[in-house]
PDB file of N, CA and C in Angstrom:
ATOM      1  N   GLN A   1     -97.509  86.117  -8.974  1.00  0.00           N
ATOM      2  CA  GLN A   1     -96.117  86.937  -9.992  1.00  0.00           C
ATOM      3  C   GLN A   1     -94.778  85.899 -10.185  1.00  0.00           C
ATOM      4  N   VAL A   2     -94.181  85.555 -11.587  1.00  0.00           N
ATOM      5  CA  VAL A   2     -93.598  84.692 -11.731  1.00  0.00           C
ATOM      6  C   VAL A   2     -92.462  85.439 -12.769  1.00  0.00           C
ATOM      7  N   GLN A   3     -90.939  84.757 -12.168  1.00  0.00           N
ATOM      8  CA  GLN A   3     -89.565  85.593 -12.418  1.00  0.00           C
ATOM      9  C   GLN A   3     -89.179  84.094 -13.216  1.00  0.00           C
ATOM     10  N   LEU A   4     -88.564  85.097 -14.432  1.00  0.00           N
ATOM     11  CA  LEU A   4     -88.320  83.862 -15.427  1.00  0.00           C
ATOM     12  C   LEU A   4     -87.115  84.252 -15.497  1.00  0.00           C
ATOM     13  N   VAL A   5     -85.801  83.620 -15.555  1.00  0.00           N
ATOM     14  CA  VAL A   5     -84.363  83.820 -16.258  1.00  0.00           C
ATOM     15  C   VAL A   5     -83.719  82.574 -17.298  1.00  0.00           C
ATOM     16  N   GLU A   6     -83.806  82.833 -18.601  1.00  0.00           N
ATOM     17  CA  GLU A   6     -83.074  81.852 -19.395  1.00  0.00           C
ATOM     18  C   GLU A   6     -81.575  82.147 -19.307  1.00  0.00           C
ATOM     19  N   SER A   7     -81.065  81.078 -19.269  1.00  0.00           N
ATOM     20  CA  SER A   7     -79.667  80.866 -19.925  1.00  0.00           C
ATOM     21  C   SER A   7     -79.023  79.690 -20.836  1.00  0.00           C
ATOM     22  N   GLY A   8     -78.161  79.426 -21.015  1.00  0.00           N
ATOM     23  CA  GLY A   8     -77.765  78.093 -21.887  1.00  0.00           C
ATOM     24  C   GLY A   8     -77.199  79.016 -23.086  1.00  0.00           C
ATOM     25  N   GLY A   9     -77.729  79.970 -23.878  1.00  0.00           N
ATOM     26  CA  GLY A   9     -77.760  80.196 -25.274  1.00  0.00           C
ATOM     27  C   GLY A   9     -76.196  80.636 -25.420  1.00  0.00           C
ATOM     28  N   GLY A  10     -75.672  80.804 -26.710  1.00  0.00           N
ATOM     29  CA  GLY A  10     -74.219  80.747 -27.064  1.00  0.00           C
ATOM     30  C   GLY A  10     -74.333  80.834 -28.739  1.00  0.00           C
ATOM     31  N   LEU A  11     -72.913  80.780 -28.937  1.00  0.00           N
ATOM     32  CA  LEU A  11     -72.390  80.580 -30.291  1.00  0.00           C
ATOM     33  C   LEU A  11     -72.301  79.082 -30.366  1.00  0.00           C
ATOM     34  N   VAL A  12     -72.575  78.472 -31.462  1.00  0.00           N
ATOM     35  CA  VAL A  12     -72.262  76.762 -31.924  1.00  0.00           C
ATOM     36  C   VAL A  12     -72.629  77.036 -33.505  1.00  0.00           C
ATOM     37  N   GLN A  13     -71.659  76.017 -33.854  1.00  0.00           N
ATOM     38  CA  GLN A  13     -71.537  75.370 -35.134  1.00  0.00           C
ATOM     39  C   GLN A  13     -72.719  74.786 -35.810  1.00  0.00           C
ATOM     40  N   ALA A  14     -73.326  74.893 -36.699  1.00  0.00           N
ATOM     41  CA  ALA A  14     -74.042  74.091 -37.667  1.00  0.00           C
ATOM     42  C   ALA A  14     -73.832  72.509 -36.915  1.00  0.00           C
ATOM     43  N   GLY A  15     -74.981  71.981 -36.933  1.00  0.00           N
ATOM     44  CA  GLY A  15     -75.099  70.441 -36.534  1.00  0.00           C
ATOM     45  C   GLY A  15     -74.476  70.463 -34.771  1.00  0.00           C
ATOM     46  N   GLY A  16     -74.142  71.256 -34.286  1.00  0.00           N
ATOM     47  CA  GLY A  16     -74.343  71.214 -32.685  1.00  0.00           C
ATOM     48  C   GLY A  16     -75.552  71.448 -31.922  1.00  0.00           C
ATOM     49  N   SER A  17     -75.356  71.361 -30.546  1.00  0.00           N
ATOM     50  CA  SER A  17     -76.012  71.110 -29.588  1.00  0.00           C
ATOM     51  C   SER A  17     -76.043  72.335 -28.628  1.00  0.00           C
ATOM     52  N   LEU A  18     -77.185  72.618 -27.933  1.00  0.00           N
ATOM     53  CA  LEU A  18     -76.910  73.906 -27.021  1.00  0.00           C
ATOM     54  C   LEU A  18     -78.419  73.424 -25.971  1.00  0.00           C
ATOM     55  N   ARG A  19     -78.178  73.885 -24.918  1.00  0.00           N
ATOM     56  CA  ARG A  19     -79.418  73.132 -23.779  1.00  0.00           C
ATOM     57  C   ARG A  19     -79.632  74.545 -22.796  1.00  0.00           C
ATOM     58  N   LEU A  20     -80.953  75.119 -23.266  1.00  0.00           N
ATOM     59  CA  LEU A  20     -81.361  76.110 -22.860  1.00  0.00           C
ATOM     60  C   LEU A  20     -82.021  75.590 -21.572  1.00  0.00           C
ATOM     61  N   THR A  21     -81.736  76.535 -20.481  1.00  0.00           N
ATOM     62  CA  THR A  21     -82.664  76.450 -19.037  1.00  0.00           C
ATOM     63  C   THR A  21     -83.097  77.688 -19.013  1.00  0.00           C
ATOM     64  N   CYS A  22     -84.206  77.436 -18.553  1.00  0.00           N
ATOM     65  CA  CYS A  22     -85.578  78.828 -17.893  1.00  0.00           C
ATOM     66  C   CYS A  22     -85.809  78.505 -16.218  1.00  0.00           C
ATOM     67  N   ALA A  23     -85.069  79.048 -15.603  1.00  0.00           N
ATOM     68  CA  ALA A  23     -85.140  79.166 -14.088  1.00  0.00           C
ATOM     69  C   ALA A  23     -86.281  79.965 -13.992  1.00  0.00           C
ATOM     70  N   THR A  24     -87.048  79.374 -12.765  1.00  0.00           N
ATOM     71  CA  THR A  24     -88.702  80.184 -12.334  1.00  0.00           C
ATOM     72  C   THR A  24     -88.663  80.718 -11.142  1.00  0.00           C
ATOM     73  N   SER A  25     -89.340  81.266 -10.260  1.00  0.00           N
ATOM     74  CA  SER A  25     -89.518  81.847  -9.279  1.00  0.00           C
ATOM     75  C   SER A  25     -90.559  82.149  -9.239  1.00  0.00           C
ATOM     76  N   GLY A  26     -90.891  82.682  -7.845  1.00  0.00           N
ATOM     77  CA  GLY A  26     -92.692  83.437  -7.473  1.00  0.00           C
ATOM     78  C   GLY A  26     -93.304  82.201  -7.707  1.00  0.00           C
ATOM     79  N   ARG A  27     -94.473  82.291  -7.752  1.00  0.00           N
ATOM     80  CA  ARG A  27     -95.577  81.755  -7.882  1.00  0.00           C
ATOM     81  C   ARG A  27     -95.644  80.288  -8.393  1.00  0.00           C
ATOM     82  N   SER A  28     -96.139  79.299  -7.916  1.00  0.00           N
ATOM     83  CA  SER A  28     -96.062  78.117  -7.816  1.00  0.00           C
ATOM     84  C   SER A  28     -95.698  77.280  -9.218  1.00  0.00           C
ATOM     85  N   PHE A  29     -94.599  77.184  -9.405  1.00  0.00           N
ATOM     86  CA  PHE A  29     -93.883  76.700 -10.733  1.00  0.00           C
ATOM     87  C   PHE A  29     -95.046  75.251 -11.727  1.00  0.00           C
ATOM     88  N   LYS A  30     -95.146  74.180 -10.632  1.00  0.00           N
ATOM     89  CA  LYS A  30     -96.092  73.650 -11.099  1.00  0.00           C
ATOM     90  C   LYS A  30     -97.253  73.547 -11.792  1.00  0.00           C
ATOM     91  N   TYR A  31     -97.875  74.533 -11.512  1.00  0.00           N
ATOM     92  CA  TYR A  31     -99.271  75.030 -12.118  1.00  0.00           C
ATOM     93  C   TYR A  31     -99.181  75.656 -13.378  1.00  0.00           C
ATOM     94  N   ASN A  32     -98.279  76.048 -13.440  1.00  0.00           N
ATOM     95  CA  ASN A  32     -97.531  76.874 -14.747  1.00  0.00           C
ATOM     96  C   ASN A  32     -97.376  75.960 -16.199  1.00  0.00           C
ATOM     97  N   ALA A  33     -98.271  76.364 -17.168  1.00  0.00           N
ATOM     98  CA  ALA A  33     -97.682  75.466 -18.481  1.00  0.00           C
ATOM     99  C   ALA A  33     -96.673  76.755 -18.711  1.00  0.00           C
ATOM    100  N   MET A  34     -95.064  75.498 -19.387  1.00  0.00           N
ATOM    101  CA  MET A  34     -94.319  76.729 -20.155  1.00  0.00           C
ATOM    102  C   MET A  34     -93.849  76.598 -21.504  1.00  0.00           C
ATOM    103  N   GLY A  35     -94.002  77.381 -22.206  1.00  0.00           N
ATOM    104  CA  GLY A  35     -93.250  77.557 -23.378  1.00  0.00           C
ATOM    105  C   GLY A  35     -92.058  78.364 -23.834  1.00  0.00           C
ATOM    106  N   TRP A  36     -91.261  77.774 -24.520  1.00  0.00           N
ATOM    107  CA  TRP A  36     -90.422  78.202 -25.701  1.00  0.00           C
ATOM    108  C   TRP A  36     -90.291  79.235 -27.234  1.00  0.00           C
ATOM    109  N   PHE A  37     -90.145  80.364 -27.102  1.00  0.00           N
ATOM    110  CA  PHE A  37     -90.274  81.047 -28.352  1.00  0.00           C
ATOM    111  C   PHE A  37     -89.347  81.616 -28.702  1.00  0.00           C
ATOM    112  N   ARG A  38     -88.961  82.229 -29.959  1.00  0.00           N
ATOM    113  CA  ARG A  38     -87.835  82.686 -30.578  1.00  0.00           C
ATOM    114  C   ARG A  38     -87.905  84.069 -31.286  1.00  0.00           C
ATOM    115  N   GLN A  39     -87.144  84.936 -31.487  1.00  0.00           N
ATOM    116  CA  GLN A  39     -87.352  86.009 -32.702  1.00  0.00           C
ATOM    117  C   GLN A  39     -85.960  85.861 -32.829  1.00  0.00           C
ATOM    118  N   ALA A  40     -85.804  86.004 -34.496  1.00  0.00           N
ATOM    119  CA  ALA A  40     -84.994  86.511 -35.313  1.00  0.00           C
ATOM    120  C   ALA A  40     -85.069  87.705 -35.699  1.00  0.00           C
ATOM    121  N   PRO A  41     -83.686  88.420 -35.751  1.00  0.00           N
ATOM    122  CA  PRO A  41     -83.391  90.298 -36.578  1.00  0.00           C
ATOM    123  C   PRO A  41     -84.482  90.011 -37.514  1.00  0.00           C
ATOM    124  N   GLY A  42     -85.619  91.193 -37.640  1.00  0.00           N
ATOM    125  CA  GLY A  42     -86.678  91.395 -38.490  1.00  0.00           C
ATOM    126  C   GLY A  42     -87.629  90.645 -38.563  1.00  0.00           C
ATOM    127  N   LYS A  43     -88.076  89.510 -37.918  1.00  0.00           N
ATOM    128  CA  LYS A  43     -89.308  88.684 -37.545  1.00  0.00           C
ATOM    129  C   LYS A  43     -89.963  88.743 -36.607  1.00  0.00           C
ATOM    130  N   GLU A  44     -90.824  88.154 -36.511  1.00  0.00           N
ATOM    131  CA  GLU A  44     -91.847  88.181 -35.506  1.00  0.00           C
ATOM    132  C   GLU A  44     -91.690  86.522 -34.935  1.00  0.00           C
ATOM    133  N   ARG A  45     -91.790  87.613 -33.534  1.00  0.00           N
ATOM    134  CA  ARG A  45     -91.459  85.861 -32.335  1.00  0.00           C
ATOM    135  C   ARG A  45     -92.623  84.872 -32.696  1.00  0.00           C
ATOM    136  N   GLU A  46     -92.024  84.109 -32.656  1.00  0.00           N
ATOM    137  CA  GLU A  46     -92.432  82.644 -33.060  1.00  0.00           C
ATOM    138  C   GLU A  46     -92.847  81.635 -31.810  1.00  0.00           C
ATOM    139  N   PHE A  47     -93.506  80.574 -32.021  1.00  0.00           N
ATOM    140  CA  PHE A  47     -93.515  79.487 -31.189  1.00  0.00           C
ATOM    141  C   PHE A  47     -92.563  78.906 -31.235  1.00  0.00           C
ATOM    142  N   VAL A  48     -91.812  77.836 -30.547  1.00  0.00           N
ATOM    143  CA  VAL A  48     -91.171  76.946 -30.620  1.00  0.00           C
ATOM    144  C   VAL A  48     -91.361  75.446 -30.115  1.00  0.00           C
ATOM    145  N   ALA A  49     -91.553  75.557 -29.011  1.00  0.00           N
ATOM    146  CA  ALA A  49     -92.129  74.305 -28.388  1.00  0.00           C
ATOM    147  C   ALA A  49     -92.957  74.818 -26.820  1.00  0.00           C
ATOM    148  N   PHE A  50     -93.961  73.689 -26.351  1.00  0.00           N
ATOM    149  CA  PHE A  50     -94.560  74.003 -24.728  1.00  0.00           C
ATOM    150  C   PHE A  50     -94.898  72.503 -24.484  1.00  0.00           C
ATOM    151  N   ILE A  51     -94.734  72.710 -22.878  1.00  0.00           N
ATOM    152  CA  ILE A  51     -95.157  71.965 -22.215  1.00  0.00           C
ATOM    153  C   ILE A  51     -96.205  72.113 -21.264  1.00  0.00           C
ATOM    154  N   ASP A  52     -97.238  71.315 -20.887  1.00  0.00           N
ATOM    155  CA  ASP A  52     -98.029  71.775 -19.862  1.00  0.00           C
ATOM    156  C   ASP A  52     -97.941  71.398 -18.267  1.00  0.00           C
ATOM    157  N   TRP A  53     -98.712  71.800 -17.460  1.00  0.00           N
ATOM    158  CA  TRP A  53     -98.247  72.200 -16.371  1.00  0.00           C
ATOM    159  C   TRP A  53     -97.972  70.578 -15.648  1.00  0.00           C
ATOM    160  N   ILE A  54     -98.463  69.405 -16.458  1.00  0.00           N
ATOM    161  CA  ILE A  54     -98.655  67.790 -15.795  1.00  0.00           C
ATOM    162  C   ILE A  54     -97.226  67.639 -16.195  1.00  0.00           C
ATOM    163  N   GLY A  55     -96.596  67.884 -17.686  1.00  0.00           N
ATOM    164  CA  GLY A  55     -95.447  67.541 -18.051  1.00  0.00           C
ATOM    165  C   GLY A  55     -95.844  66.161 -19.006  1.00  0.00           C
ATOM    166  N   SER A  56     -97.296  65.942 -19.702  1.00  0.00           N
ATOM    167  CA  SER A  56     -97.544  64.895 -20.113  1.00  0.00           C
ATOM    168  C   SER A  56     -97.897  65.244 -21.357  1.00  0.00           C
ATOM    169  N   ASN A  57     -98.045  66.333 -21.503  1.00  0.00           N
ATOM    170  CA  ASN A  57     -98.493  66.846 -23.181  1.00  0.00           C
ATOM    171  C   ASN A  57     -97.331  67.829 -23.686  1.00  0.00           C
ATOM    172  N   THR A  58     -96.829  67.696 -24.823  1.00  0.00           N
ATOM    173  CA  THR A  58     -95.660  68.573 -25.422  1.00  0.00           C
ATOM    174  C   THR A  58     -96.009  68.942 -26.921  1.00  0.00           C
ATOM    175  N   ASN A  59     -95.669  70.161 -27.660  1.00  0.00           N
ATOM    176  CA  ASN A  59     -95.798  70.214 -28.817  1.00  0.00           C
ATOM    177  C   ASN A  59     -94.683  71.188 -29.474  1.00  0.00           C
ATOM    178  N   TYR A  60     -94.385  71.143 -30.484  1.00  0.00           N
ATOM    179  CA  TYR A  60     -93.397  71.460 -31.210  1.00  0.00           C
ATOM    180  C   TYR A  60     -93.590  72.412 -32.658  1.00  0.00           C
ATOM    181  N   ALA A  61     -93.163  73.118 -32.924  1.00  0.00           N
ATOM    182  CA  ALA A  61     -93.103  73.811 -34.385  1.00  0.00           C
ATOM    183  C   ALA A  61     -92.461  72.656 -35.200  1.00  0.00           C
ATOM    184  N   ASP A  62     -92.833  72.901 -36.214  1.00  0.00           N
ATOM    185  CA  ASP A  62     -92.686  71.662 -37.399  1.00  0.00           C
ATOM    186  C   ASP A  62     -91.382  72.182 -37.706  1.00  0.00           C
ATOM    187  N   SER A  63     -90.587  73.336 -37.717  1.00  0.00           N
ATOM    188  CA  SER A  63     -89.624  73.640 -37.763  1.00  0.00           C
ATOM    189  C   SER A  63     -88.553  72.832 -37.101  1.00  0.00           C
ATOM    190  N   VAL A  64     -88.978  72.763 -35.574  1.00  0.00           N
ATOM    191  CA  VAL A  64     -87.738  71.887 -34.537  1.00  0.00           C
ATOM    192  C   VAL A  64     -88.071  70.676 -34.227  1.00  0.00           C
ATOM    193  N   LYS A  65     -89.036  70.166 -34.771  1.00  0.00           N
ATOM    194  CA  LYS A  65     -89.834  68.597 -34.664  1.00  0.00           C
ATOM    195  C   LYS A  65     -88.570  67.687 -34.851  1.00  0.00           C
ATOM    196  N   GLY A  66     -88.592  66.816 -34.032  1.00  0.00           N
ATOM    197  CA  GLY A  66     -87.394  65.940 -34.203  1.00  0.00           C
ATOM    198  C   GLY A  66     -86.044  66.350 -33.863  1.00  0.00           C
ATOM    199  N   ARG A  67     -85.671  67.575 -33.645  1.00  0.00           N
ATOM    200  CA  ARG A  67     -84.550  68.043 -33.170  1.00  0.00           C
ATOM    201  C   ARG A  67     -84.303  68.850 -31.717  1.00  0.00           C
ATOM    202  N   PHE A  68     -85.558  69.292 -31.478  1.00  0.00           N
ATOM    203  CA  PHE A  68     -85.887  69.953 -29.758  1.00  0.00           C
ATOM    204  C   PHE A  68     -86.410  69.208 -29.184  1.00  0.00           C
ATOM    205  N   THR A  69     -86.080  69.069 -27.781  1.00  0.00           N
ATOM    206  CA  THR A  69     -86.910  68.539 -27.128  1.00  0.00           C
ATOM    207  C   THR A  69     -87.246  69.288 -25.657  1.00  0.00           C
ATOM    208  N   ILE A  70     -88.532  69.520 -25.346  1.00  0.00           N
ATOM    209  CA  ILE A  70     -88.656  70.169 -23.946  1.00  0.00           C
ATOM    210  C   ILE A  70     -89.014  69.345 -22.885  1.00  0.00           C
ATOM    211  N   SER A  71     -88.690  70.261 -21.722  1.00  0.00           N
ATOM    212  CA  SER A  71     -88.499  68.964 -20.278  1.00  0.00           C
ATOM    213  C   SER A  71     -89.129  69.938 -19.152  1.00  0.00           C
ATOM    214  N   ARG A  72     -89.333  69.544 -18.420  1.00  0.00           N
ATOM    215  CA  ARG A  72     -89.183  70.471 -17.188  1.00  0.00           C
ATOM    216  C   ARG A  72     -88.835  69.497 -15.468  1.00  0.00           C
ATOM    217  N   ASP A  73     -88.822  70.192 -14.480  1.00  0.00           N
ATOM    218  CA  ASP A  73     -88.245  69.499 -13.192  1.00  0.00           C
ATOM    219  C   ASP A  73     -89.109  70.391 -12.603  1.00  0.00           C
ATOM    220  N   ASN A  74     -90.109  69.925 -12.225  1.00  0.00           N
ATOM    221  CA  ASN A  74     -90.948  70.540 -10.880  1.00  0.00           C
ATOM    222  C   ASN A  74     -90.266  70.701  -9.521  1.00  0.00           C
ATOM    223  N   ALA A  75     -89.345  69.777  -9.281  1.00  0.00           N
ATOM    224  CA  ALA A  75     -88.668  70.029  -8.309  1.00  0.00           C
ATOM    225  C   ALA A  75     -87.494  71.275  -8.139  1.00  0.00           C
ATOM    226  N   LYS A  76     -87.010  71.708  -8.936  1.00  0.00           N
ATOM    227  CA  LYS A  76     -86.047  72.389  -9.388  1.00  0.00           C
ATOM    228  C   LYS A  76     -86.752  73.895  -9.891  1.00  0.00           C
ATOM    229  N   SER A  77     -87.817  73.660 -10.382  1.00  0.00           N
ATOM    230  CA  SER A  77     -88.643  74.865 -11.025  1.00  0.00           C
ATOM    231  C   SER A  77     -87.859  75.238 -11.889  1.00  0.00           C
ATOM    232  N   THR A  78     -87.233  74.390 -12.854  1.00  0.00           N
ATOM    233  CA  THR A  78     -86.921  74.641 -14.129  1.00  0.00           C
ATOM    234  C   THR A  78     -87.317  74.064 -15.421  1.00  0.00           C
ATOM    235  N   VAL A  79     -87.427  74.593 -16.436  1.00  0.00           N
ATOM    236  CA  VAL A  79     -87.888  74.244 -17.603  1.00  0.00           C
ATOM    237  C   VAL A  79     -86.747  73.950 -18.881  1.00  0.00           C
ATOM    238  N   ASP A  80     -86.451  73.245 -19.824  1.00  0.00           N
ATOM    239  CA  ASP A  80     -84.923  72.619 -20.376  1.00  0.00           C
ATOM    240  C   ASP A  80     -85.539  72.950 -21.486  1.00  0.00           C
ATOM    241  N   LEU A  81     -84.743  73.239 -22.508  1.00  0.00           N
ATOM    242  CA  LEU A  81     -85.029  73.086 -23.933  1.00  0.00           C
ATOM    243  C   LEU A  81     -83.383  72.551 -24.550  1.00  0.00           C
ATOM    244  N   GLN A  82     -83.773  71.479 -24.807  1.00  0.00           N
ATOM    245  CA  GLN A  82     -82.577  70.615 -25.854  1.00  0.00           C
ATOM    246  C   GLN A  82     -82.673  70.844 -27.133  1.00  0.00           C
ATOM    247  N   MET A  83     -81.640  71.402 -27.635  1.00  0.00           N
ATOM    248  CA  MET A  83     -81.989  71.766 -28.989  1.00  0.00           C
ATOM    249  C   MET A  83     -80.497  70.900 -29.585  1.00  0.00           C
ATOM    250  N   ASN A  84     -80.921  70.170 -30.686  1.00  0.00           N
ATOM    251  CA  ASN A  84     -79.851  69.230 -31.730  1.00  0.00           C
ATOM    252  C   ASN A  84     -79.603  69.671 -32.823  1.00  0.00           C
ATOM    253  N   SER A  85     -78.687  69.032 -33.604  1.00  0.00           N
ATOM    254  CA  SER A  85     -78.709  69.434 -34.998  1.00  0.00           C
ATOM    255  C   SER A  85     -79.256  71.086 -35.273  1.00  0.00           C
ATOM    256  N   LEU A  86     -78.908  71.877 -34.757  1.00  0.00           N
ATOM    257  CA  LEU A  86     -78.950  73.094 -34.932  1.00  0.00           C
ATOM    258  C   LEU A  86     -78.417  73.779 -36.440  1.00  0.00           C
ATOM    259  N   LYS A  87     -79.112  74.325 -37.050  1.00  0.00           N
ATOM    260  CA  LYS A  87     -79.200  75.027 -38.526  1.00  0.00           C
ATOM    261  C   LYS A  87     -78.705  76.662 -37.862  1.00  0.00           C
ATOM    262  N   PRO A  88     -78.446  77.141 -39.184  1.00  0.00           N
ATOM    263  CA  PRO A  88     -78.282  78.702 -38.897  1.00  0.00           C
ATOM    264  C   PRO A  88     -79.902  79.450 -38.717  1.00  0.00           C
ATOM    265  N   GLU A  89     -80.734  78.711 -39.401  1.00  0.00           N
ATOM    266  CA  GLU A  89     -82.179  79.317 -39.065  1.00  0.00           C
ATOM    267  C   GLU A  89     -82.528  79.168 -37.675  1.00  0.00           C
ATOM    268  N   ASP A  90     -81.894  78.189 -36.932  1.00  0.00           N
ATOM    269  CA  ASP A  90     -82.233  78.527 -35.900  1.00  0.00           C
ATOM    270  C   ASP A  90     -81.940  79.792 -35.005  1.00  0.00           C
ATOM    271  N   SER A  91     -80.790  80.778 -35.265  1.00  0.00           N
ATOM    272  CA  SER A  91     -80.286  81.751 -34.659  1.00  0.00           C
ATOM    273  C   SER A  91     -81.717  82.787 -34.489  1.00  0.00           C
ATOM    274  N   ALA A  92     -81.381  82.723 -33.417  1.00  0.00           N
ATOM    275  CA  ALA A  92     -82.898  83.782 -32.688  1.00  0.00           C
ATOM    276  C   ALA A  92     -82.691  84.295 -31.141  1.00  0.00           C
ATOM    277  N   VAL A  93     -82.726  85.048 -30.234  1.00  0.00           N
ATOM    278  CA  VAL A  93     -83.354  85.322 -29.085  1.00  0.00           C
ATOM    279  C   VAL A  93     -84.299  84.307 -28.611  1.00  0.00           C
ATOM    280  N   TYR A  94     -83.788  83.403 -27.573  1.00  0.00           N
ATOM    281  CA  TYR A  94     -85.068  82.334 -27.310  1.00  0.00           C
ATOM    282  C   TYR A  94     -85.134  82.868 -25.715  1.00  0.00           C
ATOM    283  N   TYR A  95     -86.742  82.872 -25.580  1.00  0.00           N
ATOM    284  CA  TYR A  95     -87.714  82.961 -24.709  1.00  0.00           C
ATOM    285  C   TYR A  95     -87.952  82.417 -23.930  1.00  0.00           C
ATOM    286  N   CYS A  96     -88.431  82.224 -22.738  1.00  0.00           N
ATOM    287  CA  CYS A  96     -89.444  80.927 -21.958  1.00  0.00           C
ATOM    288  C   CYS A  96     -90.459  82.350 -21.510  1.00  0.00           C
ATOM    289  N   ALA A  97     -91.653  81.386 -21.034  1.00  0.00           N
ATOM    290  CA  ALA A  97     -92.798  82.022 -20.723  1.00  0.00           C
ATOM    291  C   ALA A  97     -93.615  81.109 -19.984  1.00  0.00           C
ATOM    292  N   ALA A  98     -94.829  81.787 -19.495  1.00  0.00           N
ATOM    293  CA  ALA A  98     -95.452  80.663 -18.353  1.00  0.00           C
ATOM    294  C   ALA A  98     -97.085  81.147 -18.530  1.00  0.00           C
ATOM    295  N   LYS A  99     -97.859  80.493 -18.149  1.00  0.00           N
ATOM    296  CA  LYS A  99     -99.146  80.767 -18.384  1.00  0.00           C
ATOM    297  C   LYS A  99     -99.755  79.848 -17.167  1.00  0.00           C
ATOM    298  N   PRO A 100    -101.026  80.076 -16.614  1.00  0.00           N
ATOM    299  CA  PRO A 100    -101.508  78.839 -15.777  1.00  0.00           C
ATOM    300  C   PRO A 100    -102.160  77.862 -16.966  1.00  0.00           C
ATOM    301  N   TYR A 101    -101.956  76.791 -15.917  1.00  0.00           N
ATOM    302  CA  TYR A 101    -102.299  75.442 -16.338  1.00  0.00           C
ATOM    303  C   TYR A 101    -102.147  74.953 -17.981  1.00  0.00           C
ATOM    304  N   GLU A 102    -103.149  75.149 -18.716  1.00  0.00           N
ATOM    305  CA  GLU A 102    -103.076  74.559 -20.190  1.00  0.00           C
ATOM    306  C   GLU A 102    -101.710  75.273 -21.292  1.00  0.00           C
ATOM    307  N   ALA A 103    -101.352  74.573 -21.849  1.00  0.00           N
ATOM    308  CA  ALA A 103    -100.305  75.453 -22.642  1.00  0.00           C
ATOM    309  C   ALA A 103    -100.821  75.514 -23.985  1.00  0.00           C
ATOM    310  N   GLY A 104    -100.343  76.100 -24.767  1.00  0.00           N
ATOM    311  CA  GLY A 104    -100.757  76.768 -26.055  1.00  0.00           C
ATOM    312  C   GLY A 104     -99.813  77.307 -26.910  1.00  0.00           C
ATOM    313  N   THR A 105    -100.088  77.598 -28.157  1.00  0.00           N
ATOM    314  CA  THR A 105     -98.804  77.988 -29.085  1.00  0.00           C
ATOM    315  C   THR A 105     -98.713  79.496 -29.213  1.00  0.00           C
ATOM    316  N   ARG A 106     -99.877  80.066 -28.737  1.00  0.00           N
ATOM    317  CA  ARG A 106     -99.916  81.492 -29.329  1.00  0.00           C
ATOM    318  C   ARG A 106     -99.433  82.555 -28.354  1.00  0.00           C
ATOM    319  N   GLU A 107     -98.466  83.405 -28.712  1.00  0.00           N
ATOM    320  CA  GLU A 107     -97.563  84.320 -27.889  1.00  0.00           C
ATOM    321  C   GLU A 107     -98.685  85.147 -27.077  1.00  0.00           C
ATOM    322  N   SER A 108     -99.901  85.572 -27.476  1.00  0.00           N
ATOM    323  CA  SER A 108    -100.680  86.184 -26.550  1.00  0.00           C
ATOM    324  C   SER A 108    -101.287  85.789 -25.310  1.00  0.00           C
ATOM    325  N   GLU A 109    -101.234  84.205 -25.417  1.00  0.00           N
ATOM    326  CA  GLU A 109    -101.410  83.452 -24.077  1.00  0.00           C
ATOM    327  C   GLU A 109    -100.918  83.950 -23.087  1.00  0.00           C
ATOM    328  N   TYR A 110     -99.623  83.710 -23.022  1.00  0.00           N
ATOM    329  CA  TYR A 110     -98.469  83.723 -22.174  1.00  0.00           C
ATOM    330  C   TYR A 110     -98.719  84.952 -21.163  1.00  0.00           C
ATOM    331  N   ILE A 111     -98.524  84.668 -19.819  1.00  0.00           N
ATOM    332  CA  ILE A 111     -98.407  86.156 -18.958  1.00  0.00           C
ATOM    333  C   ILE A 111     -97.160  86.709 -18.937  1.00  0.00           C
ATOM    334  N   TYR A 112     -96.052  85.479 -18.310  1.00  0.00           N
ATOM    335  CA  TYR A 112     -94.952  86.064 -17.693  1.00  0.00           C
ATOM    336  C   TYR A 112     -93.940  85.534 -18.942  1.00  0.00           C
ATOM    337  N   TRP A 113     -92.998  86.421 -19.152  1.00  0.00           N
ATOM    338  CA  TRP A 113     -92.000  86.346 -19.926  1.00  0.00           C
ATOM    339  C   TRP A 113     -90.738  86.472 -19.376  1.00  0.00           C
ATOM    340  N   GLY A 114     -89.608  85.952 -19.796  1.00  0.00           N
ATOM    341  CA  GLY A 114     -87.961  86.067 -19.497  1.00  0.00           C
ATOM    342  C   GLY A 114     -87.527  87.340 -20.220  1.00  0.00           C
ATOM    343  N   GLN A 115     -85.988  87.623 -20.119  1.00  0.00           N
ATOM    344  CA  GLN A 115     -85.557  88.230 -20.969  1.00  0.00           C
ATOM    345  C   GLN A 115     -85.049  88.081 -21.993  1.00  0.00           C
ATOM    346  N   GLY A 116     -84.887  86.546 -22.586  1.00  0.00           N
ATOM    347  CA  GLY A 116     -84.005  86.253 -23.967  1.00  0.00           C
ATOM    348  C   GLY A 116     -82.838  85.671 -23.660  1.00  0.00           C
ATOM    349  N   THR A 117     -82.549  84.730 -24.045  1.00  0.00           N
ATOM    350  CA  THR A 117     -81.100  84.211 -24.446  1.00  0.00           C
ATOM    351  C   THR A 117     -80.866  83.978 -26.093  1.00  0.00           C
ATOM    352  N   GLN A 118     -79.578  84.826 -25.910  1.00  0.00           N
ATOM    353  CA  GLN A 118     -79.581  84.795 -27.442  1.00  0.00           C
ATOM    354  C   GLN A 118     -78.627  83.157 -27.876  1.00  0.00           C
ATOM    355  N   VAL A 119     -78.860  82.553 -29.104  1.00  0.00           N
ATOM    356  CA  VAL A 119     -78.362  81.639 -29.950  1.00  0.00           C
ATOM    357  C   VAL A 119     -78.100  81.979 -31.245  1.00  0.00           C
ATOM    358  N   THR A 120     -77.006  81.657 -31.266  1.00  0.00           N
ATOM    359  CA  THR A 120     -76.318  81.834 -32.671  1.00  0.00           C
ATOM    360  C   THR A 120     -75.490  80.856 -33.441  1.00  0.00           C
ATOM    361  N   VAL A 121     -76.008  80.435 -34.284  1.00  0.00           N
ATOM    362  CA  VAL A 121     -75.845  78.982 -35.085  1.00  0.00           C
ATOM    363  C   VAL A 121     -74.810  79.244 -36.587  1.00  0.00           C
ATOM    364  N   SER A 122     -73.880  78.968 -36.829  1.00  0.00           N
ATOM    365  CA  SER A 122     -72.854  79.256 -37.791  1.00  0.00           C
ATOM    366  C   SER A 122     -72.785  78.455 -38.684  1.00  0.00           C
ATOM    367  N   SER A 123     -72.319  78.576 -40.129  1.00  0.00           N
ATOM    368  CA  SER A 123     -72.647  77.808 -41.011  1.00  0.00           C
ATOM    369  C   SER A 123     -71.128  77.224 -41.185  1.00  0.00           C
TER     370      SER A 123
END
């Protein structure tokens, strides 16, 4: 079992930055690929970024590429999402998720989920 807790969300102006952190506990973190997803009101939850269990492979949605960076610290059992140049359309509840070993972009691949943290970007 893996427990995930997101933090770092909040209200920011367009062009600003936020750093989200997902703290994990339970099953050995270092063997889990980690993903970030987001869900805006009235929309489906969508993939944002992933990092594999080794930390050598990352992938981003086209909408955030070049602005967001995912990273992990296996010693602290955390995964971060650095979000720069934020836009109003980035407003959503952001979720971190975990799955064993290889990462993926599909929500259905992930086994463990956090409760989410709200990000609101004002124009």
